[in-house]
Protein backbone atom coordinates (compact mmCIF):
# COMPACT_ATOMS: atom_id res chain seq x y z
CA MET A 1 -4.59 -28.83 33.47
CA ASN A 2 -3.25 -25.85 35.37
CA LEU A 3 -3.65 -22.23 34.38
CA TRP A 4 -0.13 -21.75 32.97
CA THR A 5 -0.30 -24.83 30.77
CA ARG A 6 -3.67 -23.79 29.42
CA LEU A 7 -2.45 -20.24 28.70
CA ARG A 8 0.69 -21.55 27.01
CA ASN A 9 -1.40 -23.82 24.78
CA GLU A 10 -3.82 -21.04 23.89
CA PHE A 11 -1.07 -18.53 23.04
CA ALA A 12 1.33 -20.96 21.36
CA HIS A 13 0.81 -19.41 17.94
CA ALA A 14 -0.03 -15.85 18.96
CA PHE A 15 3.28 -14.45 17.69
CA ALA A 16 4.17 -17.08 15.12
CA LEU A 17 5.68 -15.77 11.91
CA GLN A 18 4.65 -18.72 9.76
CA THR A 19 1.17 -18.56 8.36
CA LEU A 20 -1.20 -21.33 9.21
CA GLY A 21 -3.65 -20.42 6.48
CA ARG A 22 -4.44 -21.83 3.11
CA ASP A 23 -2.56 -21.54 -0.15
CA LEU A 24 -3.46 -18.97 -2.78
CA THR A 25 -6.38 -19.95 -5.00
CA PRO A 26 -6.14 -19.84 -8.81
CA GLU A 27 -8.28 -16.67 -8.85
CA GLU A 28 -5.96 -14.99 -6.35
CA LEU A 29 -2.91 -16.05 -8.33
CA ALA A 30 -4.47 -14.63 -11.50
CA LEU A 31 -5.09 -11.29 -9.77
CA LEU A 32 -1.48 -11.18 -8.53
CA GLU A 33 -0.32 -11.95 -12.08
CA LYS A 34 -2.42 -9.05 -13.38
CA VAL A 35 -0.99 -6.66 -10.78
CA ALA A 36 2.58 -7.79 -11.50
CA ALA A 37 2.07 -7.37 -15.25
CA GLY A 38 0.71 -3.85 -14.73
CA ILE A 39 3.66 -2.87 -12.56
CA VAL A 40 6.18 -4.22 -15.09
CA ARG A 41 4.33 -2.61 -18.02
CA ARG A 42 4.63 0.79 -16.33
CA GLY A 43 8.37 0.29 -15.72
CA MET A 44 7.99 0.25 -11.95
CA ALA A 45 9.38 -3.25 -11.29
CA ASP A 46 12.49 -2.22 -9.37
CA PRO A 47 10.80 0.30 -7.04
CA ALA A 48 7.89 -2.09 -6.46
CA VAL A 49 10.17 -5.00 -5.52
CA LEU A 50 12.23 -2.74 -3.25
CA PHE A 51 9.04 -1.49 -1.59
CA LEU A 52 7.61 -5.00 -1.15
CA GLU A 53 10.86 -6.41 0.24
CA SER A 54 11.43 -3.54 2.66
CA LEU A 55 7.89 -3.49 4.01
CA GLY A 56 7.21 -7.23 3.84
CA PRO A 57 6.73 -7.69 7.60
CA LEU A 58 4.13 -4.90 7.59
CA ASN A 59 1.97 -6.49 4.92
CA PHE A 60 -1.14 -6.48 7.09
CA LEU A 61 -0.87 -2.75 7.72
CA GLY A 62 -0.37 -2.16 4.01
CA SER A 63 -3.47 -4.14 3.19
CA GLN A 64 -5.46 -2.08 5.69
CA VAL A 65 -4.22 1.13 4.04
CA LEU A 66 -5.39 -0.28 0.72
CA HIS A 67 -8.81 -0.95 2.26
CA GLY A 68 -8.91 2.71 3.31
CA LEU A 69 -7.86 4.00 -0.11
CA ILE A 70 -10.43 1.98 -2.06
CA PRO A 71 -12.94 4.89 -2.25
CA PHE A 72 -10.29 7.01 -3.99
CA LEU A 73 -8.71 4.27 -6.09
CA GLU A 74 -12.04 3.05 -7.44
CA LEU A 75 -12.00 6.06 -9.75
CA VAL A 76 -9.21 4.41 -11.75
CA CYS A 77 -9.47 0.72 -10.78
CA ASP A 78 -12.14 -1.93 -10.31
CA PRO A 79 -13.26 -1.72 -6.64
CA THR A 80 -13.99 -5.46 -6.38
CA GLU A 81 -10.47 -6.29 -7.57
CA LEU A 82 -9.01 -3.78 -5.11
CA GLU A 83 -10.97 -5.40 -2.29
CA ARG A 84 -9.77 -8.85 -3.34
CA LEU A 85 -6.18 -7.59 -3.60
CA ALA A 86 -6.34 -6.05 -0.11
CA ASN A 87 -7.64 -9.36 1.28
CA ILE A 88 -4.88 -11.28 -0.50
CA LEU A 89 -2.14 -8.96 0.75
CA GLU A 90 -3.17 -9.60 4.35
CA ARG A 91 -1.40 -12.96 4.10
CA ARG A 92 2.38 -12.88 4.45
CA GLU A 93 3.13 -15.36 1.65
CA SER A 94 1.25 -13.25 -0.90
CA VAL A 95 3.74 -10.36 -0.67
CA GLU A 96 6.66 -12.70 -1.34
CA HIS A 97 4.78 -14.29 -4.23
CA LEU A 98 3.95 -10.89 -5.76
CA SER A 99 7.58 -9.82 -5.47
CA THR A 100 8.70 -13.00 -7.23
CA LEU A 101 6.14 -12.52 -10.00
CA ILE A 102 7.27 -8.95 -10.62
CA THR A 103 10.92 -10.00 -10.75
CA GLU A 104 10.20 -12.86 -13.17
CA LYS A 105 8.10 -10.66 -15.47
CA ALA A 106 10.72 -7.89 -15.44
CA VAL A 107 13.46 -10.31 -16.48
CA THR A 108 11.44 -11.68 -19.38
CA ALA A 109 10.25 -8.24 -20.54
């Protein structure tokens, strides 16, 4: 196998937009449900969906910001849940799922 073929095979998925990871677990889905319910309860469904849809491609950067804000946010939230949420939001499909949950809960509320 020559060098170019080997490099092409190694970098075939380097810039792929589709995730190759696993689906969301029931615990992760429950945490997303809790977050969506809290957003809808506070009347922030429309701004949250707009924010999630506009910054969807930057979900990894957003999750890293959340990791950085955990020391401040743990004053008002559970730090283990914040850590789990930041890890969940690193995956592209989680942002779309959260947006859908917020929209569904806002319609039924």
